[in-house]
C-alpha cells in the first residue's frame, strides 16, 4: 500500500523483458520490498548500494504489466516516480494507493495558471463512475485531486510547484501516456451501493412471492 506522495525521481538504467534496473537516492531498500514505480507496485529482486546517497535496484515486471501500463515505454534515461510501501507508523499524506493500475490515460492539454499548472487527462470510459470532482486519483503514482470533470471522458487537476519539482509531471508533454488508479474508497462505496440495490430487489421479490405485496 502507498500514499501517492512521491519520495524520489528514479532513473531507468536498463530495461528487458523480465524487469527494470533503476537508480535511486532512496535508502533502506531490501530484496522483497514493494516499491511503486510510476504507480505500479513492483517487488525488488536485487539491490546494489553504490554510495551513501546512491543505489540501484532490480524489479521484475511481467509482460502483462508492461502491456497494461506505461512501463513498457520506458527506456534507459527515462525518469520514474518512486515511493516505498507504507509502514504502520507512516503518516498518510496523500490517499490510499494500492499500486494496481486500472487503465491508461493520456495528457490532453497542459496550461500554466497563476500558482499552478493545469493538466487535463483522458481516461478509459469504465473508470468514469470512480472519478469525481474534488475526489482523489493517482496519476503515475502521484496523489492528485480532481479539479473538474469534462464531458469527453477527461478530467483536470491543478498541480502545485512542489509537486512539479518532485515528480515526472514536470517533464511530461501533451499526448504522453499516464497510469491511472482511482480512489479505492470510491470503489468500496460503489460496491456497497450495488449490494444495497441488489438486496432491496431480492427483498421486494421475496415479499411479492410470499403474498405480502401484490
N, C-alpha and C. Protein backbone atom coordinates (compact mmCIF):
# COMPACT_ATOMS: atom_id res chain seq x y z
N UNK A 1 0.84 -1.19 0.00
CA UNK A 1 0.00 0.00 0.00
C UNK A 1 0.88 1.25 0.00
N UNK A 2 0.42 2.29 -0.68
CA UNK A 2 1.20 3.52 -0.82
C UNK A 2 0.31 4.73 -0.52
N UNK A 3 0.92 5.92 -0.53
CA UNK A 3 0.18 7.14 -0.22
C UNK A 3 0.03 8.08 -1.41
N UNK A 4 0.82 7.86 -2.46
CA UNK A 4 0.79 8.76 -3.60
C UNK A 4 1.66 9.99 -3.42
N UNK A 5 2.45 10.01 -2.34
CA UNK A 5 3.42 11.08 -2.12
C UNK A 5 4.78 10.58 -2.62
N UNK A 6 5.24 11.10 -3.74
CA UNK A 6 6.46 10.61 -4.37
C UNK A 6 7.68 10.96 -3.52
N UNK A 7 8.55 9.96 -3.31
CA UNK A 7 9.73 10.16 -2.47
C UNK A 7 10.98 10.47 -3.28
N UNK A 8 11.03 10.01 -4.52
CA UNK A 8 12.25 10.20 -5.29
C UNK A 8 11.96 10.07 -6.78
N UNK A 9 12.77 10.75 -7.58
CA UNK A 9 12.74 10.56 -9.03
C UNK A 9 13.86 9.60 -9.38
N UNK A 10 13.49 8.40 -9.80
CA UNK A 10 14.48 7.41 -10.19
C UNK A 10 14.80 7.52 -11.68
N UNK A 11 15.91 6.90 -12.07
CA UNK A 11 16.33 6.91 -13.47
C UNK A 11 16.48 5.46 -13.94
N UNK A 12 15.86 5.15 -15.07
CA UNK A 12 15.97 3.81 -15.64
C UNK A 12 17.38 3.60 -16.19
N UNK A 13 18.05 2.54 -15.73
CA UNK A 13 19.38 2.20 -16.23
C UNK A 13 19.32 1.15 -17.33
N UNK A 14 18.48 0.13 -17.10
CA UNK A 14 18.34 -0.94 -18.08
C UNK A 14 16.89 -1.41 -18.11
N UNK A 15 16.46 -1.88 -19.25
CA UNK A 15 15.14 -2.50 -19.39
C UNK A 15 15.30 -3.79 -20.17
N UNK A 16 14.52 -4.79 -19.80
CA UNK A 16 14.45 -6.02 -20.58
C UNK A 16 13.09 -6.64 -20.37
N UNK A 17 12.87 -7.80 -20.93
CA UNK A 17 11.55 -8.42 -20.88
C UNK A 17 11.14 -8.83 -19.47
N UNK A 18 12.11 -9.04 -18.60
CA UNK A 18 11.79 -9.55 -17.27
C UNK A 18 11.80 -8.50 -16.18
N UNK A 19 12.36 -7.30 -16.46
CA UNK A 19 12.38 -6.33 -15.39
C UNK A 19 13.06 -5.02 -15.72
N UNK A 20 13.23 -4.20 -14.66
CA UNK A 20 13.82 -2.88 -14.78
C UNK A 20 14.96 -2.74 -13.78
N UNK A 21 16.02 -2.04 -14.20
CA UNK A 21 17.08 -1.65 -13.27
C UNK A 21 17.00 -0.14 -13.12
N UNK A 22 16.89 0.31 -11.87
CA UNK A 22 16.61 1.72 -11.58
C UNK A 22 17.61 2.26 -10.57
N UNK A 23 18.10 3.46 -10.81
CA UNK A 23 18.96 4.14 -9.83
C UNK A 23 18.10 5.07 -8.99
N UNK A 24 18.45 5.20 -7.71
CA UNK A 24 17.64 5.99 -6.79
C UNK A 24 18.47 6.53 -5.64
N UNK A 25 17.98 7.57 -5.03
CA UNK A 25 18.59 8.10 -3.82
C UNK A 25 17.94 7.54 -2.56
N UNK A 26 16.93 6.69 -2.72
CA UNK A 26 16.26 6.09 -1.57
C UNK A 26 17.17 5.10 -0.87
N UNK A 27 17.13 5.09 0.46
CA UNK A 27 17.92 4.12 1.21
C UNK A 27 17.00 3.06 1.80
N UNK A 28 17.56 2.16 2.54
CA UNK A 28 16.85 1.08 3.25
C UNK A 28 16.05 0.17 2.32
N UNK A 29 16.40 0.12 1.03
CA UNK A 29 15.71 -0.79 0.12
C UNK A 29 16.28 -2.19 0.29
N UNK A 30 15.38 -3.18 0.38
CA UNK A 30 15.80 -4.55 0.58
C UNK A 30 15.11 -5.47 -0.43
N UNK A 31 15.74 -6.60 -0.69
CA UNK A 31 15.12 -7.60 -1.55
C UNK A 31 13.79 -8.04 -0.95
N UNK A 32 12.76 -8.07 -1.76
CA UNK A 32 11.43 -8.44 -1.30
C UNK A 32 10.54 -7.26 -0.97
N UNK A 33 11.14 -6.07 -0.86
CA UNK A 33 10.34 -4.87 -0.59
C UNK A 33 9.46 -4.52 -1.79
N UNK A 34 8.32 -3.92 -1.50
CA UNK A 34 7.45 -3.39 -2.55
C UNK A 34 7.79 -1.93 -2.79
N UNK A 35 7.81 -1.54 -4.04
CA UNK A 35 8.08 -0.15 -4.40
C UNK A 35 7.15 0.24 -5.54
N UNK A 36 6.64 1.45 -5.48
CA UNK A 36 5.78 1.96 -6.54
C UNK A 36 6.65 2.65 -7.59
N UNK A 37 6.55 2.18 -8.83
CA UNK A 37 7.28 2.76 -9.96
C UNK A 37 6.24 3.31 -10.94
N UNK A 38 6.12 4.62 -11.01
CA UNK A 38 5.05 5.25 -11.81
C UNK A 38 3.68 4.72 -11.43
N UNK A 39 3.51 4.44 -10.14
CA UNK A 39 2.22 3.97 -9.66
C UNK A 39 2.00 2.48 -9.71
N UNK A 40 2.97 1.73 -10.25
CA UNK A 40 2.86 0.28 -10.37
C UNK A 40 3.61 -0.38 -9.23
N UNK A 41 2.93 -1.23 -8.48
CA UNK A 41 3.57 -1.93 -7.36
C UNK A 41 4.47 -3.04 -7.90
N UNK A 42 5.77 -2.93 -7.64
CA UNK A 42 6.74 -3.93 -8.07
C UNK A 42 7.51 -4.45 -6.86
N UNK A 43 8.12 -5.63 -7.01
CA UNK A 43 8.90 -6.24 -5.95
C UNK A 43 10.38 -6.18 -6.28
N UNK A 44 11.17 -5.71 -5.33
CA UNK A 44 12.61 -5.61 -5.54
C UNK A 44 13.24 -7.00 -5.47
N UNK A 45 14.03 -7.35 -6.48
CA UNK A 45 14.67 -8.66 -6.53
C UNK A 45 16.18 -8.60 -6.31
N UNK A 46 16.75 -7.39 -6.41
CA UNK A 46 18.19 -7.24 -6.20
C UNK A 46 18.49 -5.78 -5.89
N UNK A 47 19.43 -5.54 -4.99
CA UNK A 47 19.86 -4.17 -4.68
C UNK A 47 21.37 -4.07 -4.75
N UNK A 48 21.87 -2.87 -4.99
CA UNK A 48 23.30 -2.62 -5.07
C UNK A 48 23.58 -1.21 -4.56
N UNK A 49 24.16 -1.13 -3.37
CA UNK A 49 24.46 0.17 -2.78
C UNK A 49 25.73 0.73 -3.39
N UNK A 50 25.61 1.75 -4.22
CA UNK A 50 26.76 2.33 -4.90
C UNK A 50 27.53 3.30 -3.99
N UNK A 51 26.80 4.07 -3.19
CA UNK A 51 27.42 5.03 -2.27
C UNK A 51 26.41 5.34 -1.17
N UNK A 52 26.75 6.29 -0.30
CA UNK A 52 25.83 6.64 0.79
C UNK A 52 24.55 7.29 0.28
N UNK A 53 24.61 7.90 -0.89
CA UNK A 53 23.45 8.64 -1.40
C UNK A 53 22.92 8.10 -2.72
N UNK A 54 23.43 6.97 -3.17
CA UNK A 54 23.05 6.46 -4.48
C UNK A 54 23.06 4.94 -4.48
N UNK A 55 21.99 4.34 -4.96
CA UNK A 55 21.90 2.89 -5.06
C UNK A 55 21.09 2.51 -6.29
N UNK A 56 21.13 1.25 -6.63
CA UNK A 56 20.32 0.74 -7.74
C UNK A 56 19.54 -0.48 -7.26
N UNK A 57 18.44 -0.76 -7.93
CA UNK A 57 17.69 -1.97 -7.62
C UNK A 57 17.08 -2.55 -8.89
N UNK A 58 16.83 -3.84 -8.84
CA UNK A 58 16.15 -4.54 -9.92
C UNK A 58 14.76 -4.91 -9.47
N UNK A 59 13.80 -4.82 -10.37
CA UNK A 59 12.42 -5.22 -10.07
C UNK A 59 11.86 -5.99 -11.25
N UNK A 60 11.27 -7.14 -10.96
CA UNK A 60 10.66 -7.94 -12.02
C UNK A 60 9.38 -7.28 -12.51
N UNK A 61 9.13 -7.38 -13.81
CA UNK A 61 7.91 -6.84 -14.41
C UNK A 61 7.37 -7.87 -15.39
N UNK A 62 6.11 -8.25 -15.23
CA UNK A 62 5.50 -9.24 -16.12
C UNK A 62 5.15 -8.61 -17.46
N UNK A 63 5.01 -9.45 -18.47
CA UNK A 63 4.60 -8.96 -19.78
C UNK A 63 3.24 -8.31 -19.75
N UNK A 64 2.35 -8.82 -18.90
CA UNK A 64 1.01 -8.26 -18.76
C UNK A 64 1.08 -6.84 -18.19
N UNK A 65 1.96 -6.64 -17.20
CA UNK A 65 2.12 -5.31 -16.61
C UNK A 65 2.68 -4.33 -17.62
N UNK A 66 3.65 -4.77 -18.41
CA UNK A 66 4.21 -3.90 -19.45
C UNK A 66 3.15 -3.49 -20.46
N UNK A 67 2.23 -4.41 -20.73
CA UNK A 67 1.18 -4.16 -21.71
C UNK A 67 0.11 -3.21 -21.18
N UNK A 68 -0.22 -3.33 -19.91
CA UNK A 68 -1.35 -2.59 -19.33
C UNK A 68 -0.96 -1.29 -18.64
N UNK A 69 0.34 -0.95 -18.65
CA UNK A 69 0.81 0.29 -18.04
C UNK A 69 1.78 0.98 -18.99
N UNK A 70 2.26 2.15 -18.58
CA UNK A 70 3.23 2.84 -19.43
C UNK A 70 4.67 2.41 -19.15
N UNK A 71 4.85 1.39 -18.31
CA UNK A 71 6.21 0.90 -18.05
C UNK A 71 6.84 0.30 -19.30
N UNK A 72 6.01 -0.19 -20.20
CA UNK A 72 6.52 -0.77 -21.44
C UNK A 72 7.18 0.24 -22.35
N UNK A 73 6.96 1.52 -22.11
CA UNK A 73 7.54 2.56 -22.95
C UNK A 73 8.82 3.16 -22.36
N UNK A 74 9.21 2.67 -21.19
CA UNK A 74 10.42 3.19 -20.56
C UNK A 74 11.67 2.72 -21.28
N UNK A 75 12.70 3.54 -21.23
CA UNK A 75 13.99 3.21 -21.83
C UNK A 75 15.09 3.79 -20.96
N UNK A 76 16.35 3.37 -21.15
CA UNK A 76 17.43 3.93 -20.34
C UNK A 76 17.45 5.46 -20.39
N UNK A 77 17.49 6.06 -19.22
CA UNK A 77 17.45 7.52 -19.12
C UNK A 77 16.09 8.07 -18.75
N UNK A 78 15.03 7.25 -18.89
CA UNK A 78 13.69 7.69 -18.50
C UNK A 78 13.63 7.91 -16.99
N UNK A 79 12.89 8.92 -16.58
CA UNK A 79 12.71 9.19 -15.16
C UNK A 79 11.38 8.61 -14.70
N UNK A 80 11.36 8.10 -13.47
CA UNK A 80 10.15 7.47 -12.93
C UNK A 80 9.90 7.95 -11.51
N UNK A 81 8.61 7.98 -11.14
CA UNK A 81 8.22 8.31 -9.77
C UNK A 81 8.39 7.09 -8.88
N UNK A 82 9.04 7.28 -7.74
CA UNK A 82 9.28 6.17 -6.81
C UNK A 82 8.69 6.48 -5.44
N UNK A 83 8.10 5.46 -4.84
CA UNK A 83 7.62 5.55 -3.46
C UNK A 83 7.74 4.20 -2.80
N UNK A 84 8.33 4.17 -1.62
CA UNK A 84 8.38 2.93 -0.85
C UNK A 84 7.01 2.64 -0.24
N UNK A 85 6.77 1.37 0.05
CA UNK A 85 5.46 0.98 0.58
C UNK A 85 5.23 1.59 1.96
N UNK A 86 3.96 1.76 2.28
CA UNK A 86 3.53 2.38 3.53
C UNK A 86 3.88 1.49 4.72
N UNK A 87 4.42 2.10 5.78
CA UNK A 87 4.69 1.40 7.02
C UNK A 87 3.57 1.67 8.02
N UNK A 88 3.50 0.84 9.05
CA UNK A 88 2.43 1.00 10.03
C UNK A 88 2.54 2.32 10.80
N UNK A 89 3.77 2.87 10.89
CA UNK A 89 3.95 4.12 11.62
C UNK A 89 4.05 5.33 10.69
N UNK A 90 3.72 5.13 9.39
CA UNK A 90 3.82 6.23 8.43
C UNK A 90 2.62 7.15 8.51
N UNK A 91 2.83 8.41 8.17
CA UNK A 91 1.73 9.36 8.07
C UNK A 91 1.13 9.27 6.67
N UNK A 92 -0.19 9.34 6.59
CA UNK A 92 -0.87 9.25 5.30
C UNK A 92 -1.07 10.66 4.76
N UNK A 93 -0.11 11.12 3.94
CA UNK A 93 -0.17 12.48 3.43
C UNK A 93 -1.03 12.65 2.20
N UNK A 94 -1.19 11.58 1.41
CA UNK A 94 -2.00 11.66 0.20
C UNK A 94 -3.31 10.93 0.38
N UNK A 95 -3.44 9.77 -0.30
CA UNK A 95 -4.59 8.90 -0.08
C UNK A 95 -4.13 7.46 -0.29
N UNK A 96 -4.97 6.50 0.02
CA UNK A 96 -4.59 5.10 -0.07
C UNK A 96 -4.46 4.68 -1.54
N UNK A 97 -3.27 4.25 -1.91
CA UNK A 97 -2.98 3.83 -3.29
C UNK A 97 -2.48 2.39 -3.25
N UNK A 98 -3.09 1.50 -4.04
CA UNK A 98 -2.74 0.08 -3.99
C UNK A 98 -1.57 -0.28 -4.89
N UNK A 99 -1.35 0.50 -5.95
CA UNK A 99 -0.32 0.15 -6.91
C UNK A 99 -0.81 -0.77 -8.01
N UNK A 100 -2.13 -0.93 -8.10
CA UNK A 100 -2.73 -1.76 -9.16
C UNK A 100 -3.38 -0.83 -10.19
N UNK A 101 -2.73 -0.69 -11.32
CA UNK A 101 -3.19 0.25 -12.35
C UNK A 101 -4.48 -0.26 -13.00
N UNK A 102 -5.45 0.64 -13.15
CA UNK A 102 -6.75 0.27 -13.71
C UNK A 102 -6.91 0.65 -15.18
N UNK A 103 -6.07 1.54 -15.64
CA UNK A 103 -6.18 1.95 -17.04
C UNK A 103 -5.11 2.96 -17.40
N UNK A 104 -4.96 3.18 -18.69
CA UNK A 104 -4.00 4.15 -19.19
C UNK A 104 -4.76 5.33 -19.78
N UNK A 105 -4.36 6.53 -19.40
CA UNK A 105 -4.92 7.75 -19.98
C UNK A 105 -3.84 8.47 -20.76
N UNK A 106 -4.19 9.62 -21.27
CA UNK A 106 -3.22 10.46 -21.99
C UNK A 106 -3.37 11.91 -21.54
N UNK A 107 -2.30 12.65 -21.69
CA UNK A 107 -2.35 14.08 -21.39
C UNK A 107 -3.01 14.80 -22.56
N UNK A 108 -4.15 15.42 -22.30
CA UNK A 108 -4.91 16.12 -23.34
C UNK A 108 -4.37 17.54 -23.53
N UNK A 109 -4.08 18.21 -22.42
CA UNK A 109 -3.58 19.59 -22.51
C UNK A 109 -2.82 19.95 -21.25
N UNK A 110 -1.95 20.94 -21.37
CA UNK A 110 -1.18 21.48 -20.24
C UNK A 110 -1.24 23.00 -20.33
N UNK A 111 -1.72 23.63 -19.25
CA UNK A 111 -1.84 25.09 -19.25
C UNK A 111 -1.26 25.65 -17.95
N UNK A 112 -0.52 26.72 -18.06
CA UNK A 112 0.02 27.38 -16.88
C UNK A 112 -1.02 28.30 -16.26
N UNK A 113 -1.16 28.21 -14.94
CA UNK A 113 -2.05 29.09 -14.19
C UNK A 113 -1.18 29.97 -13.29
N UNK A 114 -1.79 30.80 -12.49
CA UNK A 114 -1.03 31.72 -11.64
C UNK A 114 -0.06 31.00 -10.72
N UNK A 115 -0.58 30.09 -9.91
CA UNK A 115 0.26 29.40 -8.93
C UNK A 115 0.31 27.90 -9.14
N UNK A 116 -0.07 27.44 -10.31
CA UNK A 116 -0.09 26.01 -10.57
C UNK A 116 -0.06 25.76 -12.08
N UNK A 117 -0.03 24.49 -12.42
CA UNK A 117 -0.11 24.09 -13.82
C UNK A 117 -1.32 23.16 -13.97
N UNK A 118 -2.18 23.46 -14.91
CA UNK A 118 -3.42 22.70 -15.10
C UNK A 118 -3.20 21.62 -16.16
N UNK A 119 -3.40 20.37 -15.74
CA UNK A 119 -3.30 19.24 -16.66
C UNK A 119 -4.70 18.68 -16.92
N UNK A 120 -4.97 18.35 -18.17
CA UNK A 120 -6.19 17.62 -18.50
C UNK A 120 -5.79 16.23 -18.96
N UNK A 121 -6.38 15.21 -18.34
CA UNK A 121 -6.08 13.82 -18.65
C UNK A 121 -7.32 13.12 -19.20
N UNK A 122 -7.14 12.31 -20.21
CA UNK A 122 -8.23 11.44 -20.66
C UNK A 122 -8.22 10.17 -19.81
N UNK A 123 -9.35 9.47 -19.77
CA UNK A 123 -9.41 8.22 -19.01
C UNK A 123 -10.33 7.23 -19.70
N UNK A 124 -10.11 5.91 -19.51
CA UNK A 124 -11.00 4.90 -20.08
C UNK A 124 -12.42 5.07 -19.54
N UNK A 125 -13.39 4.85 -20.38
CA UNK A 125 -14.79 5.08 -20.02
C UNK A 125 -15.20 4.30 -18.78
N UNK A 126 -14.67 3.08 -18.61
CA UNK A 126 -15.09 2.24 -17.50
C UNK A 126 -14.66 2.79 -16.13
N UNK A 127 -13.78 3.76 -16.10
CA UNK A 127 -13.37 4.35 -14.83
C UNK A 127 -14.23 5.55 -14.42
N UNK A 128 -15.15 5.93 -15.28
CA UNK A 128 -15.94 7.14 -15.07
C UNK A 128 -16.71 7.18 -13.76
N UNK A 129 -17.22 6.04 -13.30
CA UNK A 129 -18.01 6.02 -12.07
C UNK A 129 -17.18 6.30 -10.82
N UNK A 130 -15.86 6.19 -10.93
CA UNK A 130 -14.99 6.33 -9.76
C UNK A 130 -14.18 7.61 -9.76
N UNK A 131 -14.36 8.44 -10.78
CA UNK A 131 -13.65 9.72 -10.85
C UNK A 131 -14.66 10.83 -10.58
N UNK A 132 -14.48 11.52 -9.46
CA UNK A 132 -15.45 12.54 -9.05
C UNK A 132 -14.74 13.85 -8.74
N UNK A 133 -15.44 14.94 -8.92
CA UNK A 133 -14.89 16.27 -8.64
C UNK A 133 -14.52 16.38 -7.16
N UNK A 134 -13.33 16.86 -6.89
CA UNK A 134 -12.75 17.01 -5.56
C UNK A 134 -12.34 15.67 -4.96
N UNK A 135 -12.45 14.59 -5.73
CA UNK A 135 -12.01 13.28 -5.26
C UNK A 135 -10.54 13.06 -5.55
N UNK A 136 -10.00 11.98 -4.98
CA UNK A 136 -8.58 11.66 -5.17
C UNK A 136 -8.39 10.69 -6.33
N UNK A 137 -7.24 10.79 -6.99
CA UNK A 137 -6.86 9.87 -8.05
C UNK A 137 -5.34 9.83 -8.11
N UNK A 138 -4.80 8.66 -8.46
CA UNK A 138 -3.35 8.52 -8.60
C UNK A 138 -3.00 8.54 -10.09
N UNK A 139 -2.13 9.46 -10.47
CA UNK A 139 -1.66 9.59 -11.85
C UNK A 139 -0.16 9.31 -11.85
N UNK A 140 0.25 8.21 -12.47
CA UNK A 140 1.65 7.77 -12.41
C UNK A 140 2.13 7.69 -10.97
N UNK A 141 1.22 7.27 -10.08
CA UNK A 141 1.56 7.09 -8.68
C UNK A 141 1.46 8.34 -7.84
N UNK A 142 1.11 9.48 -8.44
CA UNK A 142 1.03 10.76 -7.72
C UNK A 142 -0.39 10.97 -7.22
N UNK A 143 -0.54 11.23 -5.94
CA UNK A 143 -1.86 11.53 -5.38
C UNK A 143 -2.27 12.94 -5.78
N UNK A 144 -3.36 13.04 -6.55
CA UNK A 144 -3.85 14.32 -7.03
C UNK A 144 -5.34 14.46 -6.73
N UNK A 145 -5.81 15.69 -6.73
CA UNK A 145 -7.23 15.97 -6.51
C UNK A 145 -7.87 16.40 -7.82
N UNK A 146 -8.98 15.77 -8.17
CA UNK A 146 -9.70 16.11 -9.40
C UNK A 146 -10.31 17.49 -9.27
N UNK A 147 -9.93 18.39 -10.16
CA UNK A 147 -10.47 19.76 -10.12
C UNK A 147 -11.80 19.86 -10.83
N UNK A 148 -11.91 19.18 -11.98
CA UNK A 148 -13.14 19.26 -12.77
C UNK A 148 -13.25 18.03 -13.66
N UNK A 149 -14.48 17.67 -14.00
CA UNK A 149 -14.76 16.57 -14.91
C UNK A 149 -15.24 17.14 -16.23
N UNK A 150 -14.62 16.71 -17.32
CA UNK A 150 -15.02 17.15 -18.64
C UNK A 150 -15.97 16.14 -19.27
N UNK A 151 -16.67 16.55 -20.32
CA UNK A 151 -17.67 15.68 -20.95
C UNK A 151 -17.05 14.51 -21.70
N UNK A 152 -15.93 14.74 -22.36
CA UNK A 152 -15.35 13.72 -23.24
C UNK A 152 -14.38 12.81 -22.51
N UNK A 153 -14.84 12.19 -21.39
CA UNK A 153 -14.02 11.25 -20.64
C UNK A 153 -12.65 11.83 -20.30
N UNK A 154 -12.64 13.01 -19.71
CA UNK A 154 -11.39 13.60 -19.26
C UNK A 154 -11.63 14.41 -17.99
N UNK A 155 -10.56 14.66 -17.25
CA UNK A 155 -10.65 15.45 -16.03
C UNK A 155 -9.42 16.33 -15.92
N UNK A 156 -9.51 17.34 -15.07
CA UNK A 156 -8.39 18.25 -14.88
C UNK A 156 -7.89 18.21 -13.44
N UNK A 157 -6.61 18.53 -13.27
CA UNK A 157 -6.01 18.67 -11.95
C UNK A 157 -5.15 19.92 -11.95
N UNK A 158 -5.02 20.55 -10.80
CA UNK A 158 -4.12 21.69 -10.64
C UNK A 158 -2.91 21.22 -9.85
N UNK A 159 -1.75 21.30 -10.47
CA UNK A 159 -0.53 20.77 -9.85
C UNK A 159 0.33 21.93 -9.34
N UNK A 160 0.65 21.89 -8.05
CA UNK A 160 1.42 22.97 -7.44
C UNK A 160 2.91 22.82 -7.77
N UNK A 161 3.69 23.90 -7.65
CA UNK A 161 5.12 23.86 -8.00
C UNK A 161 5.91 22.76 -7.28
N UNK A 162 5.62 22.52 -6.00
CA UNK A 162 6.35 21.49 -5.26
C UNK A 162 6.17 20.11 -5.90
N UNK A 163 4.94 19.79 -6.29
CA UNK A 163 4.68 18.50 -6.94
C UNK A 163 5.37 18.43 -8.29
N UNK A 164 5.33 19.51 -9.04
CA UNK A 164 6.01 19.54 -10.34
C UNK A 164 7.50 19.29 -10.18
N UNK A 165 8.10 19.91 -9.18
CA UNK A 165 9.54 19.81 -8.97
C UNK A 165 9.96 18.40 -8.59
N UNK A 166 9.09 17.67 -7.92
CA UNK A 166 9.47 16.38 -7.35
C UNK A 166 8.84 15.17 -8.02
N UNK A 167 8.23 15.37 -9.18
CA UNK A 167 7.63 14.25 -9.92
C UNK A 167 7.93 14.38 -11.41
N UNK A 168 7.58 13.33 -12.14
CA UNK A 168 7.81 13.32 -13.59
C UNK A 168 6.84 14.20 -14.36
N UNK A 169 5.80 14.70 -13.70
CA UNK A 169 4.84 15.55 -14.41
C UNK A 169 5.52 16.76 -15.04
N UNK A 170 6.58 17.22 -14.43
CA UNK A 170 7.29 18.40 -14.93
C UNK A 170 7.91 18.16 -16.30
N UNK A 171 8.11 16.87 -16.65
CA UNK A 171 8.76 16.54 -17.92
C UNK A 171 7.78 15.99 -18.95
N UNK A 172 6.52 15.86 -18.56
CA UNK A 172 5.53 15.29 -19.46
C UNK A 172 5.08 16.30 -20.51
N UNK A 173 4.58 15.77 -21.62
CA UNK A 173 4.06 16.63 -22.68
C UNK A 173 2.73 16.10 -23.18
N UNK A 174 2.02 16.91 -23.92
CA UNK A 174 0.71 16.52 -24.45
C UNK A 174 0.84 15.25 -25.28
N UNK A 175 -0.08 14.30 -25.04
CA UNK A 175 -0.08 13.04 -25.75
C UNK A 175 0.58 11.91 -25.00
N UNK A 176 1.37 12.22 -23.97
CA UNK A 176 2.04 11.17 -23.20
C UNK A 176 1.03 10.30 -22.46
N UNK A 177 1.36 9.02 -22.31
CA UNK A 177 0.51 8.09 -21.56
C UNK A 177 0.76 8.24 -20.07
N UNK A 178 -0.31 8.05 -19.29
CA UNK A 178 -0.19 8.09 -17.83
C UNK A 178 -0.96 6.92 -17.22
N UNK A 179 -0.40 6.36 -16.14
CA UNK A 179 -1.06 5.28 -15.42
C UNK A 179 -2.11 5.85 -14.47
N UNK A 180 -3.28 5.23 -14.45
CA UNK A 180 -4.38 5.72 -13.60
C UNK A 180 -4.82 4.67 -12.60
N UNK A 181 -5.02 5.11 -11.37
CA UNK A 181 -5.65 4.28 -10.34
C UNK A 181 -6.65 5.15 -9.59
N UNK A 182 -7.91 4.77 -9.62
CA UNK A 182 -8.93 5.55 -8.93
C UNK A 182 -8.90 5.27 -7.43
N UNK A 183 -9.58 6.11 -6.68
CA UNK A 183 -9.60 6.01 -5.23
C UNK A 183 -10.29 4.72 -4.79
N UNK A 184 -9.61 3.92 -3.99
CA UNK A 184 -10.17 2.65 -3.54
C UNK A 184 -11.44 2.86 -2.72
N UNK A 185 -11.56 3.98 -2.02
CA UNK A 185 -12.76 4.26 -1.24
C UNK A 185 -13.97 4.46 -2.16
N UNK A 186 -13.73 5.07 -3.32
CA UNK A 186 -14.83 5.25 -4.28
C UNK A 186 -15.34 3.90 -4.77
N UNK A 187 -14.43 2.95 -4.94
CA UNK A 187 -14.83 1.61 -5.39
C UNK A 187 -15.64 0.89 -4.32
N UNK A 188 -15.22 1.03 -3.05
CA UNK A 188 -15.95 0.40 -1.96
C UNK A 188 -17.36 0.99 -1.83
N UNK A 189 -17.47 2.30 -1.98
CA UNK A 189 -18.78 2.95 -1.90
C UNK A 189 -19.68 2.48 -3.02
N UNK A 190 -19.14 2.39 -4.23
CA UNK A 190 -19.91 1.93 -5.38
C UNK A 190 -20.37 0.50 -5.18
N UNK A 191 -19.49 -0.35 -4.66
CA UNK A 191 -19.84 -1.75 -4.41
C UNK A 191 -20.93 -1.85 -3.35
N UNK A 192 -20.82 -1.02 -2.31
CA UNK A 192 -21.82 -1.03 -1.25
C UNK A 192 -23.19 -0.62 -1.78
N UNK A 193 -23.21 0.38 -2.65
CA UNK A 193 -24.47 0.83 -3.25
C UNK A 193 -25.09 -0.26 -4.11
N UNK A 194 -24.25 -0.97 -4.85
CA UNK A 194 -24.75 -2.06 -5.70
C UNK A 194 -25.33 -3.17 -4.85
N UNK A 195 -24.65 -3.50 -3.74
CA UNK A 195 -25.14 -4.56 -2.86
C UNK A 195 -26.47 -4.17 -2.23
N UNK A 196 -26.60 -2.91 -1.82
CA UNK A 196 -27.85 -2.44 -1.23
C UNK A 196 -28.99 -2.52 -2.24
N UNK A 197 -28.68 -2.17 -3.48
CA UNK A 197 -29.70 -2.21 -4.54
C UNK A 197 -30.13 -3.65 -4.80
N UNK A 198 -29.16 -4.56 -4.84
CA UNK A 198 -29.47 -5.97 -5.09
C UNK A 198 -30.26 -6.56 -3.93
N UNK A 199 -29.87 -6.22 -2.71
CA UNK A 199 -30.58 -6.74 -1.54
C UNK A 199 -32.01 -6.22 -1.49
N UNK A 200 -32.21 -4.95 -1.86
CA UNK A 200 -33.55 -4.38 -1.88
C UNK A 200 -34.42 -5.09 -2.90
N UNK A 201 -33.85 -5.42 -4.04
CA UNK A 201 -34.60 -6.10 -5.08
C UNK A 201 -34.98 -7.50 -4.65
N UNK A 202 -34.06 -8.19 -4.01
CA UNK A 202 -34.33 -9.54 -3.54
C UNK A 202 -35.43 -9.52 -2.49
N UNK A 203 -35.36 -8.59 -1.58
CA UNK A 203 -36.37 -8.49 -0.52
C UNK A 203 -37.75 -8.19 -1.11
N UNK A 204 -37.83 -7.33 -2.10
CA UNK A 204 -39.09 -6.99 -2.75
C UNK A 204 -39.67 -8.22 -3.44
N UNK A 205 -38.82 -8.93 -4.18
CA UNK A 205 -39.29 -10.14 -4.88
C UNK A 205 -39.77 -11.19 -3.89
N UNK A 206 -39.04 -11.33 -2.80
CA UNK A 206 -39.42 -12.31 -1.79
C UNK A 206 -40.78 -11.97 -1.18
N UNK A 207 -40.99 -10.71 -0.84
CA UNK A 207 -42.28 -10.29 -0.28
C UNK A 207 -43.42 -10.50 -1.27
N UNK A 208 -43.14 -10.28 -2.53
CA UNK A 208 -44.17 -10.44 -3.55
C UNK A 208 -44.54 -11.91 -3.72
N UNK A 209 -43.52 -12.77 -3.71
CA UNK A 209 -43.78 -14.20 -3.88
C UNK A 209 -44.54 -14.78 -2.69
N UNK A 210 -44.29 -14.25 -1.53
CA UNK A 210 -44.93 -14.79 -0.33
C UNK A 210 -46.28 -14.16 -0.03
N UNK A 211 -46.72 -13.24 -0.91
CA UNK A 211 -48.05 -12.70 -0.79
C UNK A 211 -48.19 -11.45 0.06
N UNK A 212 -47.09 -10.96 0.59
CA UNK A 212 -47.16 -9.73 1.40
C UNK A 212 -47.37 -8.50 0.54
N UNK A 213 -46.93 -8.57 -0.72
CA UNK A 213 -47.09 -7.46 -1.66
C UNK A 213 -47.76 -7.99 -2.92
N UNK A 214 -48.75 -7.24 -3.41
CA UNK A 214 -49.43 -7.64 -4.65
C UNK A 214 -49.18 -6.63 -5.75
